[in-house]
């Protein structure tokens, strides 16, 4: 049996885990925009006659980083089965079965209310655990993707700076 304060915390965490999944997906969409941009820049730079041999080779690393980042982002947004509350009909059927099971209980109302609350608490705790694991995996994949995005961004920025500085008259 959970205290009221703990029950409130469980409810908030239940909602938080579901909304965190949405927030991770928004960050992933931002990452996909960056990946598209960096892929375009890297593809253009690898064909550039203004870059030396070393920078062309470096661009291959940038392209590889973009591909890895894209793969990680796609894995992070891959559809997952988040755990949500059951449909109201499920709860109604469950409460009806509890009422039937407690027909002979002299303190039926109190026992029923406690059983309902305990069941709801346990269901919320189970949802939190499932959704927390899903969000942890998605967050880890996205974090790794951003490291590869950063690598591609640094490589492309340095290559662009090299081209820019080579065009400056002495």
Protein backbone atom coordinates (compact mmCIF):
# COMPACT_ATOMS: atom_id res chain seq x y z
CA UNK A 1 0.00 0.00 0.00
CA UNK A 2 1.42 3.35 -1.07
CA UNK A 3 1.09 6.59 0.85
CA UNK A 4 -0.75 9.44 -0.86
CA UNK A 5 2.50 11.33 -1.48
CA UNK A 6 4.16 8.27 -3.00
CA UNK A 7 1.05 7.55 -5.06
CA UNK A 8 1.16 11.11 -6.43
CA UNK A 9 4.84 10.65 -7.32
CA UNK A 10 4.02 7.39 -9.12
CA UNK A 11 1.28 9.10 -11.14
CA UNK A 12 3.62 11.93 -12.11
CA UNK A 13 6.39 9.52 -13.08
CA UNK A 14 3.97 7.45 -15.15
CA UNK A 15 3.03 10.54 -17.18
CA UNK A 16 6.66 11.69 -17.31
CA UNK A 17 7.94 8.44 -18.85
CA UNK A 18 5.38 8.63 -21.65
CA UNK A 19 6.09 12.29 -22.36
CA UNK A 20 9.85 11.71 -22.22
CA UNK A 21 9.50 9.30 -25.13
CA UNK A 22 7.89 12.10 -27.14
CA UNK A 23 10.67 14.53 -26.19
CA UNK A 24 13.32 12.02 -27.30
CA UNK A 25 11.54 11.66 -30.65
CA UNK A 26 11.56 15.46 -31.12
CA UNK A 27 15.32 15.52 -30.46
CA UNK A 28 15.73 12.67 -32.93
CA UNK A 29 13.93 14.69 -35.61
CA UNK A 30 16.33 17.57 -34.98
CA UNK A 31 19.22 15.12 -35.29
CA UNK A 32 17.83 13.90 -38.62
CA UNK A 33 17.81 17.48 -39.93
CA UNK A 34 21.45 17.89 -38.88
CA UNK A 35 22.34 14.54 -40.45
CA UNK A 36 20.70 15.55 -43.73
CA UNK A 37 22.58 18.85 -43.72
CA UNK A 38 25.93 17.26 -42.86
CA UNK A 39 25.43 14.49 -45.41
CA UNK A 40 24.85 17.11 -48.09
CA UNK A 41 27.88 19.12 -47.03
CA UNK A 42 30.12 16.04 -46.85
CA UNK A 43 28.91 14.81 -50.22
CA UNK A 44 29.67 18.19 -51.74
CA UNK A 45 33.06 18.50 -50.08
CA UNK A 46 34.22 15.05 -51.12
CA UNK A 47 33.82 16.20 -54.77
CA UNK A 48 35.49 19.55 -54.16
CA UNK A 49 38.65 20.25 -56.14
CA UNK A 50 39.63 22.81 -53.48
CA UNK A 51 40.39 20.12 -50.91
CA UNK A 52 43.67 18.26 -50.78
CA UNK A 53 44.04 14.50 -50.66
CA UNK A 54 44.04 14.35 -46.84
CA UNK A 55 40.83 16.33 -46.60
CA UNK A 56 39.18 14.06 -49.16
CA UNK A 57 40.08 11.06 -46.99
CA UNK A 58 38.82 12.94 -43.92
CA UNK A 59 35.51 13.52 -45.68
CA UNK A 60 35.09 9.76 -45.94
CA UNK A 61 35.24 9.65 -42.13
CA UNK A 62 32.64 12.41 -42.00
CA UNK A 63 30.37 10.49 -44.37
CA UNK A 64 30.84 7.34 -42.25
CA UNK A 65 29.97 9.32 -39.10
CA UNK A 66 26.81 10.66 -40.79
CA UNK A 67 25.79 7.14 -41.82
CA UNK A 68 26.37 5.77 -38.32
CA UNK A 69 24.51 8.71 -36.76
CA UNK A 70 21.60 8.21 -39.13
CA UNK A 71 21.43 4.53 -38.27
CA UNK A 72 21.48 5.26 -34.53
CA UNK A 73 18.75 7.89 -34.86
CA UNK A 74 16.57 5.54 -36.89
CA UNK A 75 17.02 2.87 -34.22
CA UNK A 76 16.08 5.40 -31.54
CA UNK A 77 12.81 6.29 -33.27
CA UNK A 78 11.99 2.73 -34.26
CA UNK A 79 8.43 2.04 -33.05
CA UNK A 80 8.30 0.64 -29.55
CA UNK A 81 5.44 -0.69 -27.48
CA UNK A 82 5.10 1.78 -24.65
CA UNK A 83 3.02 0.62 -21.76
CA UNK A 84 -0.10 2.70 -21.20
CA UNK A 85 -3.12 2.42 -18.98
CA UNK A 86 -5.71 -0.12 -20.09
CA UNK A 87 -8.95 0.91 -21.73
CA UNK A 88 -11.75 1.85 -19.32
CA UNK A 89 -13.69 -1.31 -20.26
CA UNK A 90 -10.78 -3.41 -18.95
CA UNK A 91 -10.93 -1.64 -15.59
CA UNK A 92 -14.70 -1.99 -15.39
CA UNK A 93 -14.46 -5.73 -16.02
CA UNK A 94 -11.66 -6.02 -13.46
CA UNK A 95 -13.64 -4.13 -10.79
CA UNK A 96 -16.71 -6.28 -11.52
CA UNK A 97 -14.64 -9.44 -11.04
CA UNK A 98 -13.28 -8.04 -7.76
CA UNK A 99 -16.80 -7.27 -6.58
CA UNK A 100 -17.88 -10.83 -7.40
CA UNK A 101 -14.88 -12.28 -5.57
CA UNK A 102 -15.59 -10.15 -2.48
CA UNK A 103 -19.33 -10.93 -2.27
CA UNK A 104 -18.96 -12.70 1.08
CA UNK A 105 -16.49 -10.22 2.62
CA UNK A 106 -18.10 -8.40 5.60
CA UNK A 107 -16.00 -5.30 4.91
CA UNK A 108 -16.54 -5.50 1.15
CA UNK A 109 -16.42 -1.75 0.41
CA UNK A 110 -13.12 -1.10 2.20
CA UNK A 111 -11.49 -4.27 0.87
CA UNK A 112 -12.68 -3.49 -2.66
CA UNK A 113 -11.38 0.09 -2.56
CA UNK A 114 -8.02 -1.08 -1.23
CA UNK A 115 -7.77 -3.84 -3.86
CA UNK A 116 -8.59 -1.35 -6.62
CA UNK A 117 -6.02 1.15 -5.38
CA UNK A 118 -3.34 -1.53 -4.96
CA UNK A 119 -4.06 -2.86 -8.45
CA UNK A 120 -3.85 0.60 -10.00
CA UNK A 121 -0.62 1.33 -8.11
CA UNK A 122 0.98 -1.93 -9.22
CA UNK A 123 -0.08 -1.39 -12.83
CA UNK A 124 1.41 2.12 -12.81
CA UNK A 125 4.67 0.85 -11.30
CA UNK A 126 4.88 -1.85 -13.99
CA UNK A 127 4.24 0.73 -16.75
CA UNK A 128 6.93 3.00 -15.36
CA UNK A 129 9.47 0.18 -15.38
CA UNK A 130 8.70 -0.81 -19.00
CA UNK A 131 8.69 2.78 -20.29
CA UNK A 132 11.84 3.69 -18.33
CA UNK A 133 13.75 0.88 -20.06
CA UNK A 134 12.47 1.93 -23.48
CA UNK A 135 13.43 5.57 -22.87
CA UNK A 136 16.85 4.55 -21.58
CA UNK A 137 17.58 2.66 -24.77
CA UNK A 138 16.29 5.48 -26.97
CA UNK A 139 18.31 8.07 -25.03
CA UNK A 140 21.51 6.03 -25.26
CA UNK A 141 21.12 5.56 -29.04
CA UNK A 142 20.43 9.26 -29.51
CA UNK A 143 23.38 10.28 -27.33
CA UNK A 144 25.73 8.15 -29.43
CA UNK A 145 24.20 9.59 -32.60
CA UNK A 146 24.96 13.11 -31.41
CA UNK A 147 28.63 12.20 -30.85
CA UNK A 148 28.86 11.03 -34.46
CA UNK A 149 27.02 14.16 -35.61
CA UNK A 150 29.53 16.25 -33.66
CA UNK A 151 32.44 14.41 -35.32
CA UNK A 152 30.99 15.05 -38.78
CA UNK A 153 30.30 18.69 -37.90
CA UNK A 154 33.89 19.24 -36.74
CA UNK A 155 35.36 17.54 -39.82
CA UNK A 156 33.11 19.47 -42.20
CA UNK A 157 33.72 22.77 -40.43
CA UNK A 158 37.48 22.31 -40.60
CA UNK A 159 37.27 21.36 -44.27
CA UNK A 160 35.16 24.44 -45.01
CA UNK A 161 37.61 26.60 -43.06
CA UNK A 162 40.48 25.14 -45.06
CA UNK A 163 38.73 26.01 -48.32
CA UNK A 164 37.88 29.48 -47.04
CA UNK A 165 41.40 30.24 -45.87
CA UNK A 166 42.89 28.94 -49.12
CA UNK A 167 40.78 31.48 -51.05
CA UNK A 168 41.93 34.45 -48.97
CA UNK A 169 44.52 36.46 -50.90
CA UNK A 170 47.89 36.74 -49.17
